[in-house]
Amino acid sequence: MDIKSIEEVPMFISSLRIMKFWAFLLEHNWRRYASLIPYTLLNITQFMEIYFSTEPVDAIIRNAYIAVLFFNSTLRGVVLCLNRFGFEEFMETIRILYIELRASDEKIIRKMLHETTKTSILVSKVNLVMGACSVMGFLMYPIFATTKALPYGIYVPGIDKYQSPYYEIFFLIQIVMAPMGCCMFIPFTNLIVAFILFGILMCKVLKHKLSNLKEVSNEKARAVIVWCVKYQLELIKFVNTMNSLTTHTYMIEFLAFGAMLCAMLFSLVIAETPAQMIIISIYMFMIFSQSVVLYYFANELYDQSLLVAIAAYECNWFDFDVETQKILKLMILRAQKPCAIMVGKVYPMNLELLQSLLNATYSYFTLLKRVYG
């Protein structure tokens, strides 16, 4: 596999460069362990702090939110390392398909590819900016706290972390560790969004090919339909591979997202200063936006794959010979089963699932608010 060629695909180049630097993908060196091992140890101390904490409930909730967020970041880094070759092979497949579309004789297909690439790059930049804002929120929180606090709670046996020089040392360590977590969390989202966007593009190419069958001869139509069937199988394989790489990660994050959002809503209600409310709102916006981006594009892939069947049905199939009609009929039947990004191999990732999660989160939030008054 030519690693350099994978890096040349503009859809995920920025995310891939970050992952390569930290040796999650494309390389295997000391940086991988220099990030994952300290981050894992830090995350353990966060959960220990929650268990042993005697601080007010708002501090515990905030620390729990950050601990779960850091756990998700660590999980993403570990998933990338464990499935490194699977991800790289998948990106090599995308590279080959990308080159084929870029070399297409049809101008509209090249235009769709260009627009998809621009969207992927834009989403990547926006997510990185939001991730940087979230990191700044973590680090600025102690400035506006009513009591002495660290950016995020940690438990160190036998040491008073609020006494000098321990407080300054731990503060400096957390300043260094926060951007490292961002490098594990945000590029993973950007990479998956790029994968989903390419799947959407494949559906649009199929729709375009099928829509143009009205203007071609019977013999040429059969050749195009055979090509579309093969491309449809490539699309199905594409989505199945993506699911095998990420579906269990999505399930863990699905459960964590609801808990974190509920906790942040409660923290927003009991916040003591306007500055704290603003920072908590930034936390909420960051985690919510990351989920919405994924679920929105996954929902688009779900819908576009269903529209392939409609495009096939509307291509004047009754003008084709019987054998061509049979091939087209099989394609329509398969297209009626949508290509879906799965959450834990159970639920399709779409806006309907996100709405159900938000409804459940709000219900638990109102219950929590009522219990604690």
Protein backbone atom coordinates (compact mmCIF):
# COMPACT_ATOMS: atom_id res chain seq x y z
CA MET A 1 0.00 0.00 0.00
CA ASP A 2 1.37 3.43 -0.99
CA ILE A 3 1.02 5.60 2.12
CA LYS A 4 1.96 8.80 0.29
CA SER A 5 -0.84 8.27 -2.23
CA ILE A 6 -3.43 8.03 0.57
CA GLU A 7 -2.25 11.36 1.96
CA GLU A 8 -2.89 13.01 -1.40
CA VAL A 9 -6.67 12.59 -1.16
CA PRO A 10 -7.84 16.12 -0.23
CA MET A 11 -11.04 14.98 1.51
CA PHE A 12 -9.26 13.81 4.66
CA ILE A 13 -5.73 15.16 4.28
CA SER A 14 -5.77 17.50 7.31
CA SER A 15 -7.16 14.84 9.68
CA LEU A 16 -4.72 12.27 8.33
CA ARG A 17 -1.74 14.55 8.92
CA ILE A 18 -2.70 14.99 12.58
CA MET A 19 -3.21 11.25 13.03
CA LYS A 20 0.09 10.53 11.31
CA PHE A 21 1.91 12.97 13.60
CA TRP A 22 0.57 11.17 16.68
CA ALA A 23 1.22 7.79 15.00
CA PHE A 24 -2.40 6.63 15.18
CA LEU A 25 -2.40 5.96 11.42
CA LEU A 26 0.27 5.47 8.73
CA GLU A 27 3.11 5.29 11.26
CA HIS A 28 3.97 3.46 14.48
CA ASN A 29 6.41 5.29 16.73
CA TRP A 30 6.91 6.66 20.27
CA ARG A 31 4.39 9.50 19.83
CA ARG A 32 1.53 7.00 19.97
CA TYR A 33 2.52 5.90 23.45
CA ALA A 34 3.54 9.40 24.54
CA SER A 35 -0.06 10.47 24.00
CA LEU A 36 -2.15 7.41 24.84
CA ILE A 37 -0.40 6.22 28.01
CA PRO A 38 -0.36 9.58 29.86
CA TYR A 39 -3.87 10.32 28.65
CA THR A 40 -5.15 6.96 29.89
CA LEU A 41 -3.52 7.50 33.29
CA LEU A 42 -5.01 10.99 33.46
CA ASN A 43 -8.45 9.61 32.65
CA ILE A 44 -8.14 7.05 35.45
CA THR A 45 -7.34 9.83 37.94
CA GLN A 46 -10.41 11.73 36.69
CA PHE A 47 -12.75 8.85 37.44
CA MET A 48 -11.05 8.33 40.80
CA GLU A 49 -11.65 12.01 41.60
CA ILE A 50 -15.36 11.56 40.89
CA TYR A 51 -15.50 8.51 43.16
CA PHE A 52 -13.67 10.12 46.10
CA SER A 53 -14.89 13.68 45.59
CA THR A 54 -16.43 15.70 48.43
CA GLU A 55 -16.94 18.80 46.26
CA PRO A 56 -20.35 20.36 45.46
CA VAL A 57 -22.58 18.58 42.97
CA ASP A 58 -21.92 21.12 40.20
CA ALA A 59 -18.15 20.46 40.38
CA ILE A 60 -18.72 16.69 40.36
CA ILE A 61 -21.00 16.92 37.32
CA ARG A 62 -18.50 19.07 35.41
CA ASN A 63 -15.64 16.71 36.28
CA ALA A 64 -17.76 13.72 35.21
CA TYR A 65 -18.55 15.40 31.89
CA ILE A 66 -14.88 16.06 31.15
CA ALA A 67 -13.87 12.56 32.33
CA VAL A 68 -16.36 10.95 29.92
CA LEU A 69 -15.26 13.27 27.11
CA PHE A 70 -11.62 12.35 27.71
CA PHE A 71 -12.60 8.68 27.83
CA ASN A 72 -14.21 9.07 24.40
CA SER A 73 -11.06 10.75 23.10
CA THR A 74 -8.89 7.92 24.44
CA LEU A 75 -11.28 5.34 23.00
CA ARG A 76 -11.01 6.91 19.56
CA GLY A 77 -7.22 6.87 19.72
CA VAL A 78 -7.19 3.22 20.79
CA VAL A 79 -9.67 2.25 18.05
CA LEU A 80 -7.48 3.91 15.42
CA CYS A 81 -4.37 2.12 16.69
CA LEU A 82 -6.03 -1.30 16.92
CA ASN A 83 -7.67 -1.00 13.49
CA ARG A 84 -4.87 0.92 11.84
CA PHE A 85 -4.49 -1.39 8.84
CA GLY A 86 -8.27 -1.65 8.41
CA PHE A 87 -8.58 2.13 8.24
CA GLU A 88 -5.62 2.43 5.87
CA GLU A 89 -7.00 -0.23 3.51
CA PHE A 90 -10.37 1.50 3.57
CA MET A 91 -8.77 4.86 2.71
CA GLU A 92 -6.85 3.20 -0.11
CA THR A 93 -10.20 1.98 -1.50
CA ILE A 94 -11.53 5.55 -1.29
CA ARG A 95 -8.42 6.82 -3.07
CA ILE A 96 -8.99 4.44 -6.00
CA LEU A 97 -12.67 5.37 -6.25
CA TYR A 98 -11.79 9.06 -5.92
CA ILE A 99 -9.34 8.86 -8.84
CA GLU A 100 -11.95 7.07 -10.98
CA LEU A 101 -14.50 9.82 -10.37
CA ARG A 102 -11.93 12.56 -10.95
CA ALA A 103 -11.05 10.99 -14.31
CA SER A 104 -14.72 10.73 -15.37
CA ASP A 105 -15.69 12.01 -18.81
CA GLU A 106 -18.82 13.59 -17.36
CA LYS A 107 -18.38 17.14 -16.15
CA ILE A 108 -21.26 16.92 -13.67
CA ILE A 109 -19.61 13.97 -11.85
CA ARG A 110 -16.34 15.90 -11.56
CA LYS A 111 -18.32 18.86 -10.24
CA MET A 112 -20.06 16.71 -7.62
CA LEU A 113 -16.66 15.37 -6.54
CA HIS A 114 -15.30 18.89 -6.22
CA GLU A 115 -18.28 20.04 -4.14
CA THR A 116 -18.03 17.00 -1.85
CA THR A 117 -14.32 17.69 -1.31
CA LYS A 118 -15.03 21.34 -0.47
CA THR A 119 -17.71 20.32 2.02
CA SER A 120 -15.38 17.82 3.69
CA ILE A 121 -12.59 20.41 4.04
CA LEU A 122 -15.02 23.02 5.39
CA VAL A 123 -16.46 20.64 8.01
CA SER A 124 -12.92 19.70 9.03
CA LYS A 125 -11.90 23.34 9.55
CA VAL A 126 -15.07 24.23 11.47
CA ASN A 127 -14.70 21.21 13.77
CA LEU A 128 -11.06 22.04 14.50
CA VAL A 129 -12.01 25.61 15.41
CA MET A 130 -14.78 24.37 17.72
CA GLY A 131 -12.38 21.90 19.29
CA ALA A 132 -9.89 24.70 19.95
CA CYS A 133 -12.65 26.81 21.54
CA SER A 134 -13.64 23.89 23.76
CA VAL A 135 -10.02 23.45 24.91
CA MET A 136 -9.86 27.15 25.72
CA GLY A 137 -13.06 26.74 27.74
CA PHE A 138 -11.48 23.96 29.80
CA LEU A 139 -8.39 26.03 30.53
CA MET A 140 -10.25 29.27 31.29
CA TYR A 141 -12.78 27.75 33.69
CA PRO A 142 -10.57 28.12 36.83
CA ILE A 143 -10.32 31.88 36.19
CA PHE A 144 -14.08 32.28 36.62
CA ALA A 145 -14.63 29.62 39.28
CA THR A 146 -15.85 30.84 42.68
CA THR A 147 -13.31 28.56 44.42
CA LYS A 148 -9.79 27.43 43.55
CA ALA A 149 -10.02 24.81 40.82
CA LEU A 150 -8.07 23.00 38.14
CA PRO A 151 -9.27 22.88 34.51
CA TYR A 152 -10.49 19.33 35.25
CA GLY A 153 -10.50 17.29 38.43
CA ILE A 154 -7.82 14.67 39.14
CA TYR A 155 -7.12 12.46 42.15
CA VAL A 156 -3.56 12.08 43.39
CA PRO A 157 -3.29 10.00 46.60
CA GLY A 158 -1.47 11.73 49.47
CA ILE A 159 -1.17 15.10 47.72
CA ASP A 160 -3.25 18.25 48.15
CA LYS A 161 -3.54 19.32 44.53
CA TYR A 162 -4.59 22.85 45.50
CA GLN A 163 -1.39 23.60 47.43
CA SER A 164 1.69 25.12 45.78
CA PRO A 165 3.73 23.96 43.95
CA TYR A 166 1.46 20.98 43.14
CA TYR A 167 -1.34 23.20 41.89
CA GLU A 168 0.92 24.95 39.37
CA ILE A 169 2.48 21.64 38.23
CA PHE A 170 -0.88 19.97 37.68
CA PHE A 171 -2.23 23.07 35.94
CA LEU A 172 0.72 23.03 33.52
CA ILE A 173 0.27 19.30 32.85
CA GLN A 174 -3.41 19.81 32.07
CA ILE A 175 -2.62 22.70 29.73
CA VAL A 176 -0.39 20.32 27.73
CA MET A 177 -2.79 17.35 27.84
CA ALA A 178 -5.96 19.16 26.71
CA PRO A 179 -4.83 19.85 23.10
CA MET A 180 -3.62 16.24 22.83
CA GLY A 181 -7.15 15.05 23.58
CA CYS A 182 -8.51 17.40 20.96
CA CYS A 183 -6.13 15.80 18.43
CA MET A 184 -7.66 12.40 19.19
CA PHE A 185 -11.30 13.49 19.24
CA ILE A 186 -11.82 16.04 16.44
CA PRO A 187 -9.80 14.43 13.59
CA PHE A 188 -11.63 11.14 14.16
CA THR A 189 -14.95 12.92 13.62
CA ASN A 190 -13.59 14.69 10.54
CA LEU A 191 -12.31 11.43 9.08
CA ILE A 192 -15.65 9.66 9.54
CA VAL A 193 -17.53 12.63 8.08
CA ALA A 194 -15.26 12.45 5.01
CA PHE A 195 -16.05 8.73 4.67
CA ILE A 196 -19.79 9.37 4.92
CA LEU A 197 -19.64 12.26 2.44
CA PHE A 198 -17.93 10.00 -0.07
CA GLY A 199 -20.67 7.40 0.43
CA ILE A 200 -23.25 10.13 -0.29
CA LEU A 201 -21.31 11.06 -3.42
CA MET A 202 -21.42 7.43 -4.61
CA CYS A 203 -25.22 7.46 -4.23
CA LYS A 204 -25.45 10.69 -6.23
CA VAL A 205 -23.30 9.22 -9.00
CA LEU A 206 -25.64 6.23 -9.20
CA LYS A 207 -28.68 8.51 -9.35
CA HIS A 208 -27.06 10.60 -12.09
CA LYS A 209 -26.21 7.54 -14.20
CA LEU A 210 -29.72 6.10 -13.84
CA SER A 211 -31.43 9.42 -14.59
CA ASN A 212 -29.60 9.69 -17.91
CA LEU A 213 -30.84 6.30 -19.13
CA LYS A 214 -33.84 8.04 -20.73
CA GLU A 215 -31.54 9.50 -23.37
CA VAL A 216 -29.56 6.43 -24.44
CA SER A 217 -30.17 3.39 -26.64
CA ASN A 218 -31.28 0.01 -25.32
CA GLU A 219 -27.84 -1.58 -25.71
CA LYS A 220 -26.03 1.28 -24.03
CA ALA A 221 -28.64 1.37 -21.27
CA ARG A 222 -27.92 -2.25 -20.42
CA ALA A 223 -24.18 -1.54 -20.17
CA VAL A 224 -24.84 1.44 -17.90
CA ILE A 225 -27.20 -0.58 -15.69
CA VAL A 226 -24.63 -3.37 -15.34
CA TRP A 227 -22.06 -0.73 -14.32
CA CYS A 228 -24.55 0.71 -11.82
CA VAL A 229 -25.17 -2.73 -10.29
CA LYS A 230 -21.43 -3.22 -9.79
CA TYR A 231 -21.10 0.27 -8.35
CA GLN A 232 -24.05 -0.37 -6.04
CA LEU A 233 -22.28 -3.47 -4.73
CA GLU A 234 -19.18 -1.33 -4.21
CA LEU A 235 -21.29 1.15 -2.23
CA ILE A 236 -22.76 -1.62 -0.05
CA LYS A 237 -19.28 -3.00 0.62
CA PHE A 238 -18.09 0.54 1.39
CA VAL A 239 -20.77 1.10 4.05
CA ASN A 240 -20.35 -2.38 5.55
CA THR A 241 -16.60 -1.81 5.94
CA MET A 242 -17.20 1.55 7.59
CA ASN A 243 -19.63 -0.10 10.01
CA SER A 244 -17.17 -2.85 10.89
CA LEU A 245 -14.57 -0.21 11.79
CA THR A 246 -16.75 2.13 13.85
CA THR A 247 -20.13 0.68 14.91
CA HIS A 248 -19.15 -0.33 18.47
CA THR A 249 -17.45 3.03 19.05
CA TYR A 250 -20.68 4.76 18.02
CA MET A 251 -22.68 2.74 20.53
CA ILE A 252 -20.43 3.74 23.44
CA GLU A 253 -20.47 7.38 22.36
CA PHE A 254 -24.24 7.29 21.84
CA LEU A 255 -24.74 6.34 25.48
CA ALA A 256 -22.07 8.77 26.69
CA PHE A 257 -23.50 11.68 24.69
CA GLY A 258 -26.91 11.48 26.37
CA ALA A 259 -25.35 11.35 29.84
CA MET A 260 -22.98 14.26 29.14
CA LEU A 261 -25.69 16.48 27.66
CA CYS A 262 -28.01 15.79 30.60
CA ALA A 263 -25.21 16.63 33.06
CA MET A 264 -24.36 19.87 31.27
CA LEU A 265 -27.99 20.99 31.22
CA PHE A 266 -28.13 20.50 34.97
CA SER A 267 -24.80 22.32 35.43
CA LEU A 268 -26.15 25.22 33.38
CA VAL A 269 -29.12 25.54 35.73
CA ILE A 270 -27.01 25.59 38.90
CA ALA A 271 -24.13 27.72 37.53
CA GLU A 272 -23.28 30.59 39.90
CA THR A 273 -21.82 33.20 37.51
CA PRO A 274 -22.53 34.33 33.92
CA ALA A 275 -18.96 33.38 32.93
CA GLN A 276 -19.52 29.81 34.13
CA MET A 277 -22.77 29.66 32.16
CA ILE A 278 -20.95 30.77 29.01
CA ILE A 279 -18.19 28.18 29.41
CA ILE A 280 -20.71 25.40 30.14
CA SER A 281 -22.66 26.48 27.05
CA ILE A 282 -19.46 26.14 25.02
CA TYR A 283 -19.02 22.60 26.38
CA MET A 284 -22.60 21.74 25.42
CA PHE A 285 -22.33 23.28 21.99
CA MET A 286 -19.09 21.44 21.27
CA ILE A 287 -20.35 17.96 22.12
CA PHE A 288 -23.78 18.60 20.57
CA SER A 289 -22.36 19.94 17.31
CA GLN A 290 -20.02 16.97 16.92
CA SER A 291 -22.95 14.56 17.23
CA VAL A 292 -25.26 16.60 14.98
CA VAL A 293 -22.65 16.72 12.21
CA LEU A 294 -22.24 12.94 12.25
CA TYR A 295 -25.94 12.18 12.48
CA TYR A 296 -26.89 14.73 9.82
CA PHE A 297 -24.54 13.32 7.19
CA ALA A 298 -25.34 9.73 8.19
CA ASN A 299 -29.03 10.58 7.72
CA GLU A 300 -28.21 12.06 4.31
CA LEU A 301 -26.48 8.83 3.28
CA TYR A 302 -29.53 6.88 4.48
CA ASP A 303 -31.88 9.06 2.38
CA GLN A 304 -29.69 9.22 -0.73
CA SER A 305 -29.32 5.45 -0.85
CA LEU A 306 -33.13 5.13 -0.88
CA LEU A 307 -33.38 7.68 -3.70
CA VAL A 308 -31.32 5.37 -5.91
CA ALA A 309 -34.34 3.04 -6.17
CA ILE A 310 -36.57 5.95 -7.22
CA ALA A 311 -34.06 7.07 -9.86
CA ALA A 312 -33.92 3.52 -11.23
CA TYR A 313 -37.72 3.26 -11.39
CA GLU A 314 -38.08 6.59 -13.22
CA CYS A 315 -35.63 5.75 -16.03
CA ASN A 316 -38.26 4.51 -18.54
CA TRP A 317 -37.49 0.89 -17.74
CA PHE A 318 -40.49 -0.31 -19.76
CA ASP A 319 -38.63 0.64 -22.98
CA PHE A 320 -35.82 -1.85 -22.24
CA ASP A 321 -35.68 -5.51 -23.21
CA VAL A 322 -36.76 -8.17 -20.70
CA GLU A 323 -33.24 -9.14 -19.60
CA THR A 324 -32.31 -5.51 -18.94
CA GLN A 325 -35.54 -5.02 -16.98
CA LYS A 326 -34.67 -8.02 -14.78
CA ILE A 327 -31.24 -6.58 -13.95
CA LEU A 328 -32.78 -3.21 -13.17
CA LYS A 329 -35.48 -4.83 -11.03
CA LEU A 330 -32.84 -6.56 -8.88
CA MET A 331 -31.08 -3.25 -8.43
CA ILE A 332 -34.31 -1.55 -7.34
CA LEU A 333 -35.05 -4.31 -4.83
CA ARG A 334 -31.60 -3.99 -3.24
CA ALA A 335 -31.75 -0.18 -3.20
CA GLN A 336 -34.94 -0.32 -1.11
CA LYS A 337 -32.80 -1.53 1.78
CA PRO A 338 -30.96 1.67 2.68
CA CYS A 339 -27.22 1.84 3.27
CA ALA A 340 -27.06 2.93 6.90
CA ILE A 341 -24.29 3.74 9.34
CA MET A 342 -25.14 1.55 12.32
CA VAL A 343 -24.89 2.32 16.03
CA GLY A 344 -23.76 -0.89 17.69
CA LYS A 345 -25.10 -2.97 14.76
CA VAL A 346 -28.58 -2.27 16.14
CA TYR A 347 -29.89 1.19 15.21
CA PRO A 348 -29.31 3.16 11.99
CA MET A 349 -27.57 6.47 12.66
CA ASN A 350 -30.04 9.11 11.48
CA LEU A 351 -31.83 12.21 12.73
CA GLU A 352 -34.73 10.17 14.05
CA LEU A 353 -32.40 8.31 16.41
CA LEU A 354 -30.79 11.60 17.49
CA GLN A 355 -34.23 13.07 18.23
CA SER A 356 -35.12 10.05 20.37
CA LEU A 357 -31.88 10.47 22.31
CA LEU A 358 -32.54 14.18 22.88
CA ASN A 359 -36.06 13.44 24.11
CA ALA A 360 -34.74 10.85 26.57
CA THR A 361 -31.98 13.23 27.70
CA TYR A 362 -34.44 16.02 28.41
CA SER A 363 -36.68 13.64 30.37
CA TYR A 364 -33.77 12.59 32.60
CA PHE A 365 -32.73 16.24 32.99
CA THR A 366 -36.18 17.27 34.25
CA LEU A 367 -36.16 14.33 36.66
CA LEU A 368 -32.70 15.29 37.93
CA LYS A 369 -33.78 18.91 38.33
CA ARG A 370 -36.87 17.89 40.26
CA VAL A 371 -34.91 15.60 42.62
CA TYR A 372 -32.27 18.20 43.44
CA GLY A 373 -34.69 21.11 43.43
